[in-house]
Amino acid sequence: MSFYDLLKNRRSIRKYTDQKVEKEKIEKITKAALMSPASKRSNPWEFIVVEDKEMLQKLSETRTHGSQLLAGSPLGIVVIADPAKSDVWIEDASIAALNIQLQAQDLGLGSCWVQVYAREHTEEISAEEYVRNLLNIPEEYGVLCVISIGYKDEERKPYDEEKLAYNKIHFEKYLK
């Protein structure tokens, strides 16, 4: 599959079969994350691989809406980063998270990004703090997201090129 086809067919998948993701595939996915570019090669990101169903259930409660799919996911990868290593840790960690998703797609798996950074768990506690407490993540780390991964139990159509927002592409200068 070409890279273009990979992008065209990668869609957010929120329903997974019960089939576990094989260790070899997890290894490829985590290697792809570790090969992600980072500003000044600071590599501020780290990754927590979660397969435990009980922990995935707890992670599914990270937010009021949008994180419940983790309960049905056989695998979650929590993307964290150390802001002391890079002032653009969010961007660095985002690139790594996307590499995780693209590698999963290339391996025939589905994935979905669950935003944690700048989201609430409750009015009293942030989603970041909730995940940090669950997984014993040091206070100095930022928690960007959780990527759910598994064998697809739903099909989504590829992007329709006719419906892309071409008006968002500008040449030479911004035009309204």
Protein backbone atom coordinates (compact mmCIF):
# COMPACT_ATOMS: atom_id res chain seq x y z
CA MET A 1 0.00 0.00 0.00
CA SER A 2 1.36 3.42 -0.87
CA PHE A 3 1.70 6.08 1.80
CA TYR A 4 -1.07 8.07 0.10
CA ASP A 5 -3.39 5.04 0.24
CA LEU A 6 -2.46 4.54 3.90
CA LEU A 7 -3.52 8.12 4.67
CA LYS A 8 -6.67 7.88 2.58
CA ASN A 9 -7.81 4.72 4.34
CA ARG A 10 -6.80 5.53 7.92
CA ARG A 11 -9.96 6.47 9.77
CA SER A 12 -10.74 6.64 13.48
CA ILE A 13 -11.98 3.24 14.61
CA ARG A 14 -13.93 3.04 17.85
CA LYS A 15 -15.09 -0.59 17.80
CA TYR A 16 -12.72 -3.52 18.04
CA THR A 17 -12.92 -7.30 18.12
CA ASP A 18 -11.72 -9.16 21.22
CA GLN A 19 -8.62 -10.40 19.38
CA LYS A 20 -5.42 -9.41 21.17
CA VAL A 21 -2.81 -7.48 19.25
CA GLU A 22 0.21 -9.72 18.76
CA LYS A 23 3.46 -8.86 20.54
CA GLU A 24 5.27 -8.54 17.18
CA LYS A 25 2.78 -5.89 16.07
CA ILE A 26 3.05 -4.03 19.38
CA GLU A 27 6.83 -4.08 18.96
CA LYS A 28 6.58 -2.58 15.46
CA ILE A 29 4.17 0.09 16.68
CA THR A 30 6.40 1.09 19.59
CA LYS A 31 9.49 1.14 17.34
CA ALA A 32 7.63 3.47 14.97
CA ALA A 33 6.92 5.73 17.95
CA LEU A 34 10.58 5.72 18.96
CA MET A 35 11.63 6.68 15.42
CA SER A 36 9.46 9.81 15.51
CA PRO A 37 11.19 13.09 14.84
CA ALA A 38 11.53 15.54 17.71
CA SER A 39 12.77 19.09 18.02
CA LYS A 40 16.56 19.16 18.41
CA ARG A 41 16.34 15.36 18.75
CA SER A 42 15.27 15.90 22.37
CA ASN A 43 12.93 12.88 22.31
CA PRO A 44 10.79 14.15 25.20
CA TRP A 45 8.12 11.49 24.62
CA GLU A 46 7.61 8.21 26.44
CA PHE A 47 4.93 5.57 25.95
CA ILE A 48 2.93 3.36 28.29
CA VAL A 49 1.56 0.23 26.63
CA VAL A 50 -1.64 -0.95 28.33
CA GLU A 51 -3.23 -4.34 27.60
CA ASP A 52 -4.80 -5.03 31.01
CA LYS A 53 -8.59 -4.99 30.56
CA GLU A 54 -9.18 -3.58 34.04
CA MET A 55 -6.82 -0.68 33.40
CA LEU A 56 -8.31 -0.06 29.95
CA GLN A 57 -11.73 0.11 31.67
CA LYS A 58 -10.38 2.73 34.08
CA LEU A 59 -8.81 4.66 31.20
CA SER A 60 -12.20 4.61 29.46
CA GLU A 61 -13.42 6.82 32.31
CA THR A 62 -10.79 9.50 31.64
CA ARG A 63 -13.36 11.89 30.20
CA THR A 64 -17.13 12.22 30.39
CA HIS A 65 -17.31 11.81 26.60
CA GLY A 66 -14.86 10.45 24.07
CA SER A 67 -12.82 7.97 26.09
CA GLN A 68 -15.36 5.16 26.58
CA LEU A 69 -14.10 3.28 23.51
CA LEU A 70 -10.99 2.29 25.50
CA ALA A 71 -13.09 -0.21 27.46
CA GLY A 72 -13.56 -2.25 24.28
CA SER A 73 -10.01 -1.81 23.02
CA PRO A 74 -7.48 -4.62 23.40
CA LEU A 75 -4.60 -2.14 23.49
CA GLY A 76 -4.00 1.44 24.53
CA ILE A 77 -0.79 3.41 24.24
CA VAL A 78 -0.54 6.43 26.50
CA VAL A 79 1.64 9.17 25.03
CA ILE A 80 3.43 11.31 27.59
CA ALA A 81 6.34 13.75 27.39
CA ASP A 82 8.71 15.71 29.57
CA PRO A 83 8.24 19.48 28.99
CA ALA A 84 11.68 20.11 30.54
CA LYS A 85 13.26 18.34 27.56
CA SER A 86 11.44 20.33 24.89
CA ASP A 87 9.42 23.52 24.77
CA VAL A 88 7.48 21.93 21.89
CA TRP A 89 6.74 18.65 23.67
CA ILE A 90 3.11 18.74 22.56
CA GLU A 91 4.12 18.85 18.90
CA ASP A 92 6.82 16.19 19.39
CA ALA A 93 4.41 13.87 21.21
CA SER A 94 1.70 14.52 18.60
CA ILE A 95 4.02 13.41 15.81
CA ALA A 96 4.81 10.24 17.75
CA ALA A 97 1.10 9.60 18.34
CA LEU A 98 0.42 9.92 14.63
CA ASN A 99 3.28 7.53 13.84
CA ILE A 100 1.63 5.04 16.20
CA GLN A 101 -1.66 5.38 14.31
CA LEU A 102 -0.09 5.11 10.87
CA GLN A 103 1.93 2.04 11.84
CA ALA A 104 -1.19 0.43 13.30
CA GLN A 105 -3.06 1.09 10.04
CA ASP A 106 -0.18 -0.37 8.02
CA LEU A 107 -0.42 -3.54 10.14
CA GLY A 108 -4.16 -3.91 9.44
CA LEU A 109 -5.27 -2.51 12.79
CA GLY A 110 -7.63 0.30 13.66
CA SER A 111 -6.89 3.13 16.05
CA CYS A 112 -8.38 6.24 17.58
CA TRP A 113 -6.81 9.21 19.35
CA VAL A 114 -8.32 9.97 22.78
CA GLN A 115 -7.31 13.49 23.80
CA VAL A 116 -6.18 13.88 27.43
CA TYR A 117 -4.19 17.13 27.50
CA ALA A 118 -6.34 20.18 28.28
CA ARG A 119 -9.45 18.06 28.95
CA GLU A 120 -11.47 17.49 32.13
CA HIS A 121 -12.11 14.27 33.97
CA THR A 122 -14.47 16.09 36.31
CA GLU A 123 -14.90 19.72 37.30
CA GLU A 124 -12.40 19.07 40.11
CA ILE A 125 -9.74 17.03 38.32
CA SER A 126 -8.19 17.21 34.88
CA ALA A 127 -8.05 14.22 32.56
CA GLU A 128 -4.27 14.51 32.72
CA GLU A 129 -4.22 14.25 36.49
CA TYR A 130 -6.63 11.30 36.38
CA VAL A 131 -4.41 9.34 33.94
CA ARG A 132 -1.24 10.40 35.76
CA ASN A 133 -2.63 8.99 39.02
CA LEU A 134 -3.85 5.76 37.39
CA LEU A 135 -0.53 4.95 35.75
CA ASN A 136 1.88 6.39 38.31
CA ILE A 137 3.20 8.98 35.83
CA PRO A 138 5.58 11.50 37.43
CA GLU A 139 4.10 14.96 37.97
CA GLU A 140 6.58 16.65 35.65
CA TYR A 141 5.32 14.74 32.59
CA GLY A 142 2.55 16.00 30.36
CA VAL A 143 -0.06 13.46 29.29
CA LEU A 144 -1.06 14.13 25.70
CA CYS A 145 -3.37 11.29 24.69
CA VAL A 146 -4.21 7.61 24.65
CA ILE A 147 -4.23 5.83 21.31
CA SER A 148 -6.67 2.91 21.26
CA ILE A 149 -5.60 0.09 18.95
CA GLY A 150 -7.18 -3.19 17.88
CA TYR A 151 -8.62 -5.31 15.14
CA LYS A 152 -11.47 -3.42 13.51
CA ASP A 153 -15.04 -4.38 14.32
CA GLU A 154 -16.39 -1.63 12.08
CA GLU A 155 -15.57 -0.45 8.60
CA ARG A 156 -15.25 3.15 7.57
CA LYS A 157 -15.07 4.33 4.01
CA PRO A 158 -11.84 5.93 2.78
CA TYR A 159 -11.78 9.69 2.46
CA ASP A 160 -13.72 10.90 -0.57
CA GLU A 161 -11.26 13.07 -2.48
CA GLU A 162 -14.15 14.98 -4.06
CA LYS A 163 -15.22 16.16 -0.60
CA LEU A 164 -11.84 17.35 0.67
CA ALA A 165 -11.71 20.99 1.79
CA TYR A 166 -9.59 22.26 -1.09
CA ASN A 167 -10.48 25.82 -0.10
CA LYS A 168 -8.08 25.38 2.81
CA ILE A 169 -5.11 25.17 0.45
CA HIS A 170 -3.49 28.50 -0.43
CA PHE A 171 -0.65 29.13 -2.86
CA GLU A 172 1.93 31.88 -2.40
CA LYS A 173 -0.25 33.81 0.07
CA TYR A 174 -3.48 33.49 2.02
CA LEU A 175 -6.54 34.19 -0.11
CA LYS A 176 -10.10 34.42 1.15
